[in-house]
Amino acid sequence: MNVNECPVSIIECREVTKSFGSGTEKIKALKNVSFQVESGQIVGLLGPDGAGKTTLIRHLCGLMTPDAGSISVLGLDSVRDAVEIQNQLGYVPQKFGLYENLTVAENIQLYAKLHGITDTELQERVPRLLEFTLLSPFTERMAGKLSGGMKQKLALICALVSRPKLMILDEPTVGVDVLARRELWNILRQIVCEEKMTVLTSTAYLDEADYCDQTLILFEGQLLTQGTPDEIRKQAEKFVPNPSFEDAFQALICGTVPKPLTRKKPVQEDGPIRLRVEKLVKRFGDFVAVDRISFSIRKGEIFGLLGANGAGKTTTFRMLCGLNSPNDGIIELDGEPLAEHIEEMRSQTGYVAQKFSLYGDLSVVQNMEFFGGAYGVAGKLLKERIAWALDAFQLGPYAKMNASQLAMGFKRRLAMACALLHEPSIVFLDEATSGTDPISRREFWKRILNLADEGVAVIITTHFMDEAQYCDRILIMRDGKAVAVGTVDEIIKQGRNAPTLEEAFVNLVSQEMPEGV
């Protein structure tokens, strides 16, 4: 091979170590991490919550200084040349700073000016990026009015206007539906191919590993392995035939591939109906967010509400919880109109919102005390329930930590724990596992299946199709309407007999279906 054809290392980490805190509370976030990333690749950074992914990314961006070791990015030292690195790379953190009261075009112009991009360069660059991301028709729309997927596309454009050689993304697809995630990955691949760019991205969705050329797996601050998705999968072949990437991930972290979770007490088909919805409608001005949907949920049933971002799932949730009033239709709780039993409904309901809604400046225990009290749990019982929650959700080591300091997965655990303190008989989970890794999600689902076995009605929304497999029945929404309802097998059949639930979902939400399915 000619020396000029040798792969160029865009990132080199050498024995990088980083700790936080001191004394007995000292936490080693990174432990002697070493790896290289070659030019022109998409590299996936994977690992459980608290593995050190965001800490490593912040080091690569020159935003943190390692305690030991060294990092070279684009041939520059991450400590000595931090400002120059930041000028040359594109970085999209978990909470990218879009200005929601500015339009798409105004956000792009602002970030272009921050990077010193001239108007001429901007006029040459932006139309192609808008074409890539399919945002051309939405340049005058306020960023706050965009769907989750569209916001992520806009964040990409803002980071790409400066033509970076390296793009670093911290979980860019969290909370984004299957279709939008596929679009984002296709956009990244196009950009990498056309502009010879390198991308390093962390992700909570292990099925996205197949979009990557290389993967890095972190666990408790250590780099367990680096390789292509196929090379990683082969490491699980001794446990299961034809392993998925998630099987391999579990094998690396846990030493084996866990058996699938199962219900001990399947829902009774003739069991009592807890919630009944008939021809439910919700409008916001001229916009119809929910359009005549009907379904029922039985005691002990796990019922999934699926759909692309903006399909109307969260609006439906809020009406079922009594937080919003419908414009038309019927909602019944145990055969009685919900409107006449709002307080009873709230006392029976546990709710985990899509966005983290606890108090960041209160500790884990203080949040539990507050929400337990709000639900009417007090005294000895509250202490017992908090002790249960700390143990059940493995939050004991973080009991005194402020909620804002928790990793995303632990924030989700805390939200679930607070929702279950009063032992509700109906639980609403609105993308409750968004941003969590497979190990944390498995623990969530153990709890959810146990709740259902105990007779609790569980209503969920999720963008993880492997989670949807646990649902007894699923309703798929598009543009506020129901396009399919039934068991997993029935949904697959309605989705053109697709090979998987995910493909059936894609078929259903991307095609025109007759009303009233």
Protein backbone atom coordinates (compact mmCIF):
# COMPACT_ATOMS: atom_id res chain seq x y z
CA MET A 1 0.00 0.00 0.00
CA ASN A 2 1.27 3.47 -0.83
CA VAL A 3 2.05 5.48 2.29
CA ASN A 4 -0.41 8.13 1.12
CA GLU A 5 -3.21 5.53 1.22
CA CYS A 6 -2.67 4.63 4.89
CA PRO A 7 -5.63 5.44 7.15
CA VAL A 8 -5.24 8.73 9.04
CA SER A 9 -6.08 8.76 12.77
CA ILE A 10 -8.45 11.63 13.50
CA ILE A 11 -8.68 10.76 17.22
CA GLU A 12 -6.04 9.12 19.41
CA CYS A 13 -6.70 8.44 23.09
CA ARG A 14 -3.77 7.18 25.15
CA GLU A 15 -4.39 5.82 28.68
CA VAL A 16 -6.94 8.52 29.49
CA THR A 17 -8.09 8.61 33.12
CA LYS A 18 -10.59 10.95 34.81
CA SER A 19 -12.02 11.02 38.34
CA PHE A 20 -14.66 13.13 40.05
CA GLY A 21 -15.07 13.86 43.75
CA SER A 22 -12.59 12.99 46.48
CA GLY A 23 -12.00 10.57 49.32
CA THR A 24 -14.57 7.81 49.73
CA GLU A 25 -16.90 9.56 47.24
CA LYS A 26 -14.30 9.62 44.47
CA ILE A 27 -15.65 8.17 41.23
CA LYS A 28 -13.33 7.04 38.42
CA ALA A 29 -15.28 7.99 35.28
CA LEU A 30 -12.57 6.92 32.80
CA LYS A 31 -9.91 4.28 33.42
CA ASN A 32 -6.91 4.07 31.09
CA VAL A 33 -8.98 4.45 27.91
CA SER A 34 -7.00 3.99 24.70
CA PHE A 35 -8.24 3.83 21.10
CA GLN A 36 -7.88 5.36 17.63
CA VAL A 37 -10.49 6.58 15.16
CA GLU A 38 -9.56 6.62 11.48
CA SER A 39 -10.58 9.24 8.96
CA GLY A 40 -13.81 8.86 7.00
CA GLN A 41 -15.58 6.50 9.41
CA ILE A 42 -18.77 6.55 11.47
CA VAL A 43 -17.85 5.30 14.95
CA GLY A 44 -20.48 4.36 17.53
CA LEU A 45 -19.78 4.89 21.24
CA LEU A 46 -21.92 2.51 23.31
CA GLY A 47 -22.24 1.60 26.97
CA PRO A 48 -24.65 1.49 29.91
CA ASP A 49 -25.74 4.59 31.81
CA GLY A 50 -22.81 5.95 33.81
CA ALA A 51 -20.25 4.14 31.62
CA GLY A 52 -18.38 7.39 30.88
CA LYS A 53 -19.60 8.12 27.33
CA THR A 54 -20.44 11.80 27.84
CA THR A 55 -17.31 12.33 29.95
CA LEU A 56 -15.18 10.89 27.15
CA ILE A 57 -16.95 13.00 24.53
CA ARG A 58 -16.36 16.17 26.55
CA HIS A 59 -12.67 15.31 26.75
CA LEU A 60 -12.51 14.82 22.98
CA CYS A 61 -14.05 18.28 22.53
CA GLY A 62 -11.43 19.89 24.80
CA LEU A 63 -14.07 20.73 27.41
CA MET A 64 -12.40 18.64 30.13
CA THR A 65 -8.80 17.94 31.11
CA PRO A 66 -7.82 14.31 31.83
CA ASP A 67 -6.16 13.46 35.14
CA ALA A 68 -3.73 11.25 33.23
CA GLY A 69 -3.07 10.25 29.65
CA SER A 70 -3.37 12.32 26.50
CA ILE A 71 -5.80 12.93 23.63
CA SER A 72 -5.05 14.03 20.09
CA VAL A 73 -7.96 15.30 17.97
CA LEU A 74 -7.37 16.40 14.37
CA GLY A 75 -3.64 16.29 15.15
CA LEU A 76 -4.09 18.75 18.03
CA ASP A 77 -3.58 18.25 21.77
CA SER A 78 -6.91 18.33 23.63
CA VAL A 79 -5.50 20.40 26.50
CA ARG A 80 -3.00 22.72 24.86
CA ASP A 81 -5.05 23.26 21.68
CA ALA A 82 -8.58 23.00 23.12
CA VAL A 83 -9.84 26.24 21.53
CA GLU A 84 -8.51 25.30 18.10
CA ILE A 85 -10.14 21.86 18.34
CA GLN A 86 -13.48 23.47 19.23
CA ASN A 87 -13.15 25.77 16.21
CA GLN A 88 -12.55 22.85 13.85
CA LEU A 89 -15.06 20.21 14.94
CA GLY A 90 -18.83 20.00 14.90
CA TYR A 91 -20.32 19.11 18.29
CA VAL A 92 -23.94 18.29 19.11
CA PRO A 93 -24.37 17.65 22.86
CA GLN A 94 -27.37 15.90 24.41
CA LYS A 95 -29.05 19.26 24.93
CA PHE A 96 -28.07 21.24 21.87
CA GLY A 97 -28.69 24.96 22.33
CA LEU A 98 -31.30 25.71 19.68
CA TYR A 99 -33.14 28.99 20.18
CA GLU A 100 -36.78 27.98 20.19
CA ASN A 101 -38.05 31.52 19.61
CA LEU A 102 -35.96 31.82 16.43
CA THR A 103 -36.87 30.27 13.08
CA VAL A 104 -34.94 27.45 11.45
CA ALA A 105 -33.21 29.95 9.15
CA GLU A 106 -32.38 32.33 12.02
CA ASN A 107 -30.82 29.51 14.09
CA ILE A 108 -28.62 28.52 11.15
CA GLN A 109 -27.57 32.13 10.53
CA LEU A 110 -26.72 32.60 14.22
CA TYR A 111 -24.48 29.52 14.37
CA ALA A 112 -22.87 30.49 11.06
CA LYS A 113 -21.91 33.89 12.48
CA LEU A 114 -20.53 32.25 15.65
CA HIS A 115 -18.25 30.16 13.42
CA GLY A 116 -17.23 33.14 11.28
CA ILE A 117 -18.98 31.87 8.14
CA THR A 118 -19.45 34.57 5.51
CA ASP A 119 -22.82 35.23 3.85
CA THR A 120 -21.42 33.93 0.56
CA GLU A 121 -20.28 30.67 2.16
CA LEU A 122 -23.62 30.36 3.92
CA GLN A 123 -25.56 30.78 0.67
CA GLU A 124 -23.43 28.07 -0.95
CA ARG A 125 -23.61 25.70 2.01
CA VAL A 126 -27.09 25.87 3.52
CA PRO A 127 -29.34 24.90 0.56
CA ARG A 128 -27.54 21.57 0.26
CA LEU A 129 -27.83 20.90 4.01
CA LEU A 130 -31.53 21.77 3.96
CA GLU A 131 -31.95 19.40 1.01
CA PHE A 132 -30.07 16.64 2.89
CA THR A 133 -32.32 17.00 5.94
CA LEU A 134 -35.62 17.69 4.12
CA LEU A 135 -35.99 20.94 6.10
CA SER A 136 -36.23 23.24 3.06
CA PRO A 137 -40.02 23.77 3.47
CA PHE A 138 -39.64 24.70 7.15
CA THR A 139 -37.05 27.50 7.18
CA GLU A 140 -39.56 30.04 8.55
CA ARG A 141 -40.91 27.72 11.27
CA MET A 142 -39.95 28.46 14.88
CA ALA A 143 -37.51 25.89 16.25
CA GLY A 144 -39.80 25.37 19.25
CA LYS A 145 -42.55 24.18 16.89
CA LEU A 146 -40.44 21.42 15.31
CA SER A 147 -40.82 17.71 16.11
CA GLY A 148 -38.02 15.93 17.95
CA GLY A 149 -36.58 14.53 14.73
CA MET A 150 -36.68 17.89 12.97
CA LYS A 151 -34.93 19.57 15.92
CA GLN A 152 -32.13 17.03 15.69
CA LYS A 153 -31.80 17.67 11.96
CA LEU A 154 -31.58 21.42 12.60
CA ALA A 155 -28.92 20.79 15.26
CA LEU A 156 -26.95 18.83 12.67
CA ILE A 157 -27.17 21.67 10.15
CA CYS A 158 -26.00 24.21 12.75
CA ALA A 159 -23.00 22.02 13.55
CA LEU A 160 -22.24 21.37 9.87
CA VAL A 161 -22.25 24.92 8.53
CA SER A 162 -18.54 25.29 9.31
CA ARG A 163 -17.61 22.19 7.22
CA PRO A 164 -15.98 20.31 10.13
CA LYS A 165 -13.64 17.40 9.43
CA LEU A 166 -14.93 15.72 12.58
CA MET A 167 -18.49 15.60 13.94
CA ILE A 168 -19.10 14.47 17.54
CA LEU A 169 -22.70 13.68 18.53
CA ASP A 170 -23.87 12.80 22.05
CA GLU A 171 -27.00 10.60 21.70
CA PRO A 172 -28.55 12.58 18.83
CA THR A 173 -31.47 10.17 18.33
CA VAL A 174 -32.80 9.96 21.91
CA GLY A 175 -36.59 10.35 21.91
CA VAL A 176 -36.74 10.26 18.10
CA ASP A 177 -39.06 7.84 16.33
CA VAL A 178 -37.89 4.97 14.11
CA LEU A 179 -38.50 6.75 10.80
CA ALA A 180 -36.73 9.94 11.89
CA ARG A 181 -33.79 7.92 13.25
CA ARG A 182 -33.38 6.14 9.92
CA GLU A 183 -33.43 9.51 8.14
CA LEU A 184 -30.78 10.95 10.48
CA TRP A 185 -28.44 8.00 9.92
CA ASN A 186 -28.90 8.17 6.16
CA ILE A 187 -28.06 11.88 6.31
CA LEU A 188 -24.89 11.17 8.30
CA ARG A 189 -23.78 8.49 5.85
CA GLN A 190 -24.38 10.81 2.87
CA ILE A 191 -22.38 13.59 4.50
CA VAL A 192 -19.51 11.26 5.45
CA CYS A 193 -19.32 9.95 1.88
CA GLU A 194 -19.67 13.28 0.08
CA GLU A 195 -17.58 15.47 2.40
CA LYS A 196 -15.04 12.91 3.64
CA MET A 197 -16.03 13.70 7.20
CA THR A 198 -15.55 11.53 10.31
CA VAL A 199 -18.35 11.01 12.84
CA LEU A 200 -18.19 9.76 16.42
CA THR A 201 -21.59 9.35 18.05
CA SER A 202 -22.93 7.83 21.23
CA THR A 203 -26.31 6.14 21.09
CA ALA A 204 -28.77 4.34 23.38
CA TYR A 205 -30.29 2.37 20.47
CA LEU A 206 -28.16 -0.71 19.85
CA ASP A 207 -29.84 -1.45 16.53
CA GLU A 208 -28.10 1.73 15.31
CA ALA A 209 -24.71 0.01 15.64
CA ASP A 210 -25.23 -1.43 12.16
CA TYR A 211 -25.05 2.10 10.73
CA CYS A 212 -21.48 2.38 12.10
CA ASP A 213 -18.17 1.29 10.61
CA GLN A 214 -16.63 0.79 14.06
CA THR A 215 -18.02 0.54 17.58
CA LEU A 216 -16.47 1.29 20.97
CA ILE A 217 -18.05 -0.24 24.08
CA LEU A 218 -17.46 1.44 27.45
CA PHE A 219 -18.33 -0.07 30.82
CA GLU A 220 -17.62 1.52 34.21
CA GLY A 221 -15.11 3.85 32.59
CA GLN A 222 -13.18 1.12 30.79
CA LEU A 223 -13.05 0.37 27.08
CA LEU A 224 -14.16 -3.27 26.80
CA THR A 225 -13.75 -3.69 23.06
CA GLN A 226 -13.46 -1.96 19.69
CA GLY A 227 -14.49 -3.50 16.39
CA THR A 228 -16.96 -3.63 13.53
CA PRO A 229 -20.56 -4.55 14.40
CA ASP A 230 -20.00 -8.02 12.88
CA GLU A 231 -16.85 -8.55 14.95
CA ILE A 232 -18.73 -7.56 18.12
CA ARG A 233 -21.66 -9.86 17.30
CA LYS A 234 -19.37 -12.88 16.88
CA GLN A 235 -18.43 -12.59 20.55
CA ALA A 236 -21.95 -13.77 21.49
CA GLU A 237 -22.13 -16.77 19.14
CA LYS A 238 -21.25 -19.18 21.97
CA PHE A 239 -24.41 -18.07 23.82
CA VAL A 240 -27.04 -17.83 21.06
CA PRO A 241 -27.20 -18.59 17.33
CA ASN A 242 -27.25 -15.59 14.99
CA PRO A 243 -26.80 -13.08 17.82
CA SER A 244 -27.99 -9.50 17.54
CA PHE A 245 -25.73 -6.61 18.49
CA GLU A 246 -27.73 -6.29 21.72
CA ASP A 247 -27.01 -9.97 22.50
CA ALA A 248 -23.31 -9.26 22.05
CA PHE A 249 -23.55 -6.10 24.17
CA GLN A 250 -25.22 -8.07 26.99
CA ALA A 251 -22.61 -10.82 26.71
CA LEU A 252 -19.76 -8.32 27.02
CA ILE A 253 -21.29 -6.53 30.01
CA CYS A 254 -22.93 -9.45 31.85
CA GLY A 255 -20.85 -12.41 30.69
CA THR A 256 -23.90 -14.08 29.13
CA VAL A 257 -27.03 -13.38 27.09
CA PRO A 258 -30.01 -13.14 29.49
CA LYS A 259 -33.15 -15.11 28.70
CA PRO A 260 -36.11 -13.11 27.36
CA LEU A 261 -38.42 -11.67 30.02
CA THR A 262 -41.85 -13.29 30.28
CA ARG A 263 -45.17 -12.65 32.01
CA LYS A 264 -46.07 -14.95 34.90
CA LYS A 265 -49.77 -14.05 34.78
CA PRO A 266 -50.87 -13.09 31.25
CA VAL A 267 -53.71 -10.60 31.03
CA GLN A 268 -57.18 -12.18 31.03
CA GLU A 269 -59.04 -11.52 27.78
CA ASP A 270 -62.30 -11.24 29.73
CA GLY A 271 -60.75 -9.26 32.59
CA PRO A 272 -62.37 -6.06 33.84
CA ILE A 273 -61.89 -2.95 31.68
CA ARG A 274 -60.15 -0.16 33.63
CA LEU A 275 -60.14 2.49 30.89
CA ARG A 276 -62.44 2.79 27.88
CA VAL A 277 -61.93 5.38 25.16
CA GLU A 278 -64.44 5.99 22.38
CA LYS A 279 -64.08 8.45 19.47
CA LEU A 280 -61.73 10.70 21.44
CA VAL A 281 -60.98 14.13 19.90
CA LYS A 282 -58.59 16.89 20.94
CA ARG A 283 -58.11 20.13 19.02
CA PHE A 284 -55.70 23.00 19.51
CA GLY A 285 -57.27 25.80 17.48
CA ASP A 286 -57.66 24.46 13.96
CA PHE A 287 -55.17 21.65 14.56
CA VAL A 288 -56.65 18.22 15.36
CA ALA A 289 -54.09 16.47 17.58
CA VAL A 290 -56.26 13.41 18.32
CA ASP A 291 -58.91 12.38 15.83
CA ARG A 292 -61.66 9.96 16.93
CA ILE A 293 -59.54 7.17 18.41
CA SER A 294 -61.13 4.28 20.34
CA PHE A 295 -59.65 1.52 22.52
CA SER A 296 -59.96 -0.13 25.93
CA ILE A 297 -57.42 -1.24 28.55
CA ARG A 298 -58.00 -4.14 30.93
CA LYS A 299 -56.74 -4.83 34.43
CA GLY A 300 -53.19 -6.20 34.23
CA GLU A 301 -52.80 -5.28 30.56
CA ILE A 302 -49.72 -3.67 29.03
CA PHE A 303 -51.05 -1.41 26.29
CA GLY A 304 -48.71 0.35 23.87
CA LEU A 305 -49.37 3.64 22.11
CA LEU A 306 -46.92 3.87 19.21
CA GLY A 307 -46.43 6.41 16.50
CA ALA A 308 -43.98 8.84 14.96
CA ASN A 309 -43.13 12.09 16.77
CA GLY A 310 -46.19 14.34 16.66
CA ALA A 311 -48.66 11.48 16.13
CA GLY A 312 -50.74 12.49 19.18
CA LYS A 313 -49.52 9.96 21.76
CA THR A 314 -48.62 12.38 24.55
CA THR A 315 -51.83 14.39 24.00
CA THR A 316 -53.81 11.16 24.38
CA PHE A 317 -51.86 10.34 27.55
CA ARG A 318 -52.64 13.69 29.09
CA MET A 319 -56.36 13.27 28.44
CA LEU A 320 -56.38 9.77 29.95
CA CYS A 321 -54.68 11.15 33.07
CA GLY A 322 -57.19 13.97 33.38
CA LEU A 323 -54.54 16.62 32.68
CA ASN A 324 -56.28 17.76 29.47
CA SER A 325 -59.98 17.73 28.62
CA PRO A 326 -61.10 16.23 25.30
CA ASN A 327 -63.17 18.28 22.87
CA ASP A 328 -65.30 15.26 22.09
CA GLY A 329 -65.58 11.55 22.82
CA ILE A 330 -65.80 9.35 25.91
CA ILE A 331 -63.22 8.36 28.55
CA GLU A 332 -64.46 5.99 31.25
CA LEU A 333 -62.66 4.81 34.39
CA ASP A 334 -64.10 1.49 35.65
CA GLY A 335 -67.30 2.16 33.72
CA GLU A 336 -67.79 5.72 35.04
CA PRO A 337 -67.13 9.01 33.22
CA LEU A 338 -63.57 10.11 33.94
CA ALA A 339 -64.60 13.77 34.22
CA GLU A 340 -66.64 12.89 37.34
CA HIS A 341 -63.77 10.98 38.98
CA ILE A 342 -60.67 13.06 38.27
CA GLU A 343 -59.37 13.02 41.84
CA GLU A 344 -59.95 9.28 42.12
CA MET A 345 -58.07 8.81 38.86
CA ARG A 346 -55.11 10.85 40.03
CA SER A 347 -54.89 8.96 43.31
CA GLN A 348 -54.74 5.66 41.38
CA THR A 349 -52.32 6.84 38.70
CA GLY A 350 -48.54 6.80 38.41
CA TYR A 351 -47.16 8.98 35.60
CA VAL A 352 -43.66 9.14 34.14
CA ALA A 353 -43.43 12.06 31.73
CA GLN A 354 -41.50 12.18 28.47
CA LYS A 355 -39.22 14.90 29.80
CA PHE A 356 -37.53 14.67 33.20
CA SER A 357 -39.97 16.51 35.44
CA LEU A 358 -38.53 16.09 38.92
CA TYR A 359 -36.75 18.77 40.94
CA GLY A 360 -33.11 19.03 39.92
CA ASP A 361 -32.05 21.02 42.97
CA LEU A 362 -33.49 18.43 45.38
CA SER A 363 -31.70 15.21 46.23
CA VAL A 364 -32.97 11.79 45.21
CA VAL A 365 -34.50 11.19 48.66
CA GLN A 366 -35.94 14.71 48.86
CA ASN A 367 -37.70 14.17 45.52
CA MET A 368 -39.17 10.92 46.85
CA GLU A 369 -40.31 12.64 50.05
CA PHE A 370 -41.96 15.43 48.07
CA PHE A 371 -43.79 13.20 45.60
CA GLY A 372 -44.71 10.65 48.24
CA GLY A 373 -46.30 13.45 50.26
CA ALA A 374 -48.07 14.79 47.17
CA TYR A 375 -49.61 11.34 46.68
CA GLY A 376 -50.71 11.19 50.34
CA VAL A 377 -48.01 8.79 51.55
CA ALA A 378 -46.58 9.85 54.92
CA GLY A 379 -44.91 8.78 58.14
CA LYS A 380 -43.67 5.23 58.56
CA LEU A 381 -45.20 4.09 55.26
CA LEU A 382 -43.35 6.80 53.33
CA LYS A 383 -40.04 5.76 54.90
CA GLU A 384 -40.75 2.12 53.99
CA ARG A 385 -41.67 3.02 50.41
CA ILE A 386 -38.55 5.20 49.98
CA ALA A 387 -36.38 2.35 51.30
CA TRP A 388 -38.10 0.02 48.82
CA ALA A 389 -37.56 2.45 45.93
CA LEU A 390 -33.87 3.03 46.72
CA ASP A 391 -33.31 -0.73 46.71
CA ALA A 392 -35.56 -1.66 43.79
CA PHE A 393 -34.11 0.98 41.47
CA GLN A 394 -30.52 0.76 42.77
CA LEU A 395 -30.54 4.42 43.76
CA GLY A 396 -29.06 3.91 47.25
CA PRO A 397 -25.54 5.16 46.35
CA TYR A 398 -27.11 8.35 44.91
CA ALA A 399 -29.60 9.05 47.70
CA LYS A 400 -27.98 12.38 48.65
CA MET A 401 -27.11 13.48 45.11
CA ASN A 402 -29.15 16.24 43.48
CA ALA A 403 -31.38 14.90 40.72
CA SER A 404 -29.84 17.27 38.16
CA GLN A 405 -26.46 15.56 38.63
CA LEU A 406 -27.72 12.08 37.79
CA ALA A 407 -26.99 10.38 34.46
CA MET A 408 -30.00 10.12 32.14
CA GLY A 409 -30.68 6.48 33.00
CA PHE A 410 -30.68 7.19 36.73
CA LYS A 411 -32.99 10.17 36.23
CA ARG A 412 -35.40 7.76 34.54
CA ARG A 413 -35.11 5.35 37.46
CA LEU A 414 -35.86 8.14 39.91
CA ALA A 415 -38.89 9.27 37.90
CA MET A 416 -40.26 5.71 37.87
CA ALA A 417 -39.59 5.27 41.58
CA CYS A 418 -41.47 8.48 42.44
CA ALA A 419 -44.40 7.40 40.24
CA LEU A 420 -44.74 4.09 42.09
CA LEU A 421 -44.37 5.26 45.70
CA HIS A 422 -48.14 5.29 46.29
CA GLU A 423 -48.65 1.85 44.66
CA PRO A 424 -50.91 2.99 41.79
CA SER A 425 -53.27 0.65 39.97
CA ILE A 426 -52.76 2.43 36.61
CA VAL A 427 -49.32 3.49 35.35
CA PHE A 428 -48.62 5.80 32.40
CA LEU A 429 -45.12 5.63 30.94
CA ASP A 430 -44.50 8.27 28.28
CA GLU A 431 -41.19 7.22 26.68
CA ALA A 432 -40.02 6.39 30.19
CA THR A 433 -36.92 4.52 29.00
CA SER A 434 -35.81 7.07 26.39
CA GLY A 435 -32.06 7.57 26.60
CA THR A 436 -31.40 4.49 28.75
CA ASP A 437 -29.17 1.56 27.84
CA PRO A 438 -30.37 -2.05 27.32
CA ILE A 439 -29.35 -3.19 30.80
CA SER A 440 -31.30 -0.38 32.48
CA ARG A 441 -34.25 -0.96 30.14
CA ARG A 442 -34.31 -4.66 31.01
CA GLU A 443 -34.52 -3.74 34.71
CA PHE A 444 -37.36 -1.31 33.92
CA TRP A 445 -39.24 -4.02 32.09
CA LYS A 446 -38.81 -6.54 34.89
CA ARG A 447 -40.60 -4.02 37.10
CA ILE A 448 -43.27 -3.28 34.47
CA LEU A 449 -44.02 -6.97 33.89
CA ASN A 450 -44.23 -7.54 37.65
CA LEU A 451 -46.66 -4.63 37.96
CA ALA A 452 -48.86 -6.08 35.22
CA ASP A 453 -48.73 -9.52 36.88
CA GLU A 454 -50.03 -7.83 40.05
CA GLY A 455 -53.03 -6.47 38.11
CA VAL A 456 -51.73 -2.96 37.36
CA ALA A 457 -52.85 -1.55 34.00
CA VAL A 458 -49.79 -0.17 32.17
CA ILE A 459 -50.04 2.24 29.25
CA ILE A 460 -46.76 3.05 27.48
CA THR A 461 -45.33 4.99 24.59
CA THR A 462 -41.90 4.00 23.31
CA HIS A 463 -39.61 4.32 20.31
CA PHE A 464 -37.92 0.98 21.14
CA MET A 465 -39.63 -1.68 19.06
CA ASP A 466 -38.09 -4.45 21.16
CA GLU A 467 -39.94 -2.97 24.15
CA ALA A 468 -43.19 -2.90 22.22
CA GLN A 469 -42.91 -6.69 21.90
CA TYR A 470 -43.81 -6.90 25.62
CA CYS A 471 -47.17 -5.21 25.07
CA ASP A 472 -50.33 -7.32 25.19
CA ARG A 473 -51.88 -5.00 22.61
CA ILE A 474 -50.69 -2.03 20.59
CA LEU A 475 -52.40 0.96 18.98
CA ILE A 476 -50.41 2.72 16.25
CA MET A 477 -51.20 6.39 15.61
CA ARG A 478 -50.42 8.66 12.68
CA ASP A 479 -51.51 12.30 12.44
CA GLY A 480 -53.83 11.85 15.42
CA LYS A 481 -55.64 8.85 13.94
CA ALA A 482 -55.53 5.14 14.79
CA VAL A 483 -54.11 3.21 11.82
CA ALA A 484 -53.79 -0.21 13.48
CA VAL A 485 -54.67 -1.91 16.77
CA GLY A 486 -54.13 -5.44 18.06
CA THR A 487 -51.58 -7.89 19.42
CA VAL A 488 -48.00 -7.84 18.16
CA ASP A 489 -48.80 -10.63 15.68
CA GLU A 490 -51.92 -8.80 14.48
CA ILE A 491 -49.95 -5.56 14.02
CA ILE A 492 -47.32 -7.39 11.98
CA LYS A 493 -50.07 -8.83 9.79
CA GLN A 494 -51.70 -5.40 9.34
CA GLY A 495 -48.26 -3.97 8.45
CA ARG A 496 -48.15 -6.00 5.19
CA ASN A 497 -46.96 -9.19 6.94
CA ALA A 498 -43.63 -7.54 7.67
CA PRO A 499 -40.74 -9.71 8.97
CA THR A 500 -40.48 -7.67 12.21
CA LEU A 501 -42.59 -5.36 14.32
CA GLU A 502 -40.31 -2.45 13.41
CA GLU A 503 -40.83 -3.00 9.69
CA ALA A 504 -44.59 -3.33 10.25
CA PHE A 505 -44.52 -0.04 12.18
CA VAL A 506 -42.62 1.69 9.37
CA ASN A 507 -45.09 0.36 6.80
CA LEU A 508 -48.09 1.50 8.81
CA VAL A 509 -46.95 5.02 9.67
CA SER A 510 -45.52 5.78 6.23
CA GLN A 511 -48.40 4.62 4.04
CA GLU A 512 -51.91 5.90 3.57
CA MET A 513 -54.30 3.65 5.45
CA PRO A 514 -58.11 3.68 5.37
CA GLU A 515 -59.75 5.41 8.31
CA GLY A 516 -61.33 3.37 11.06
CA VAL A 517 -58.84 0.47 10.98
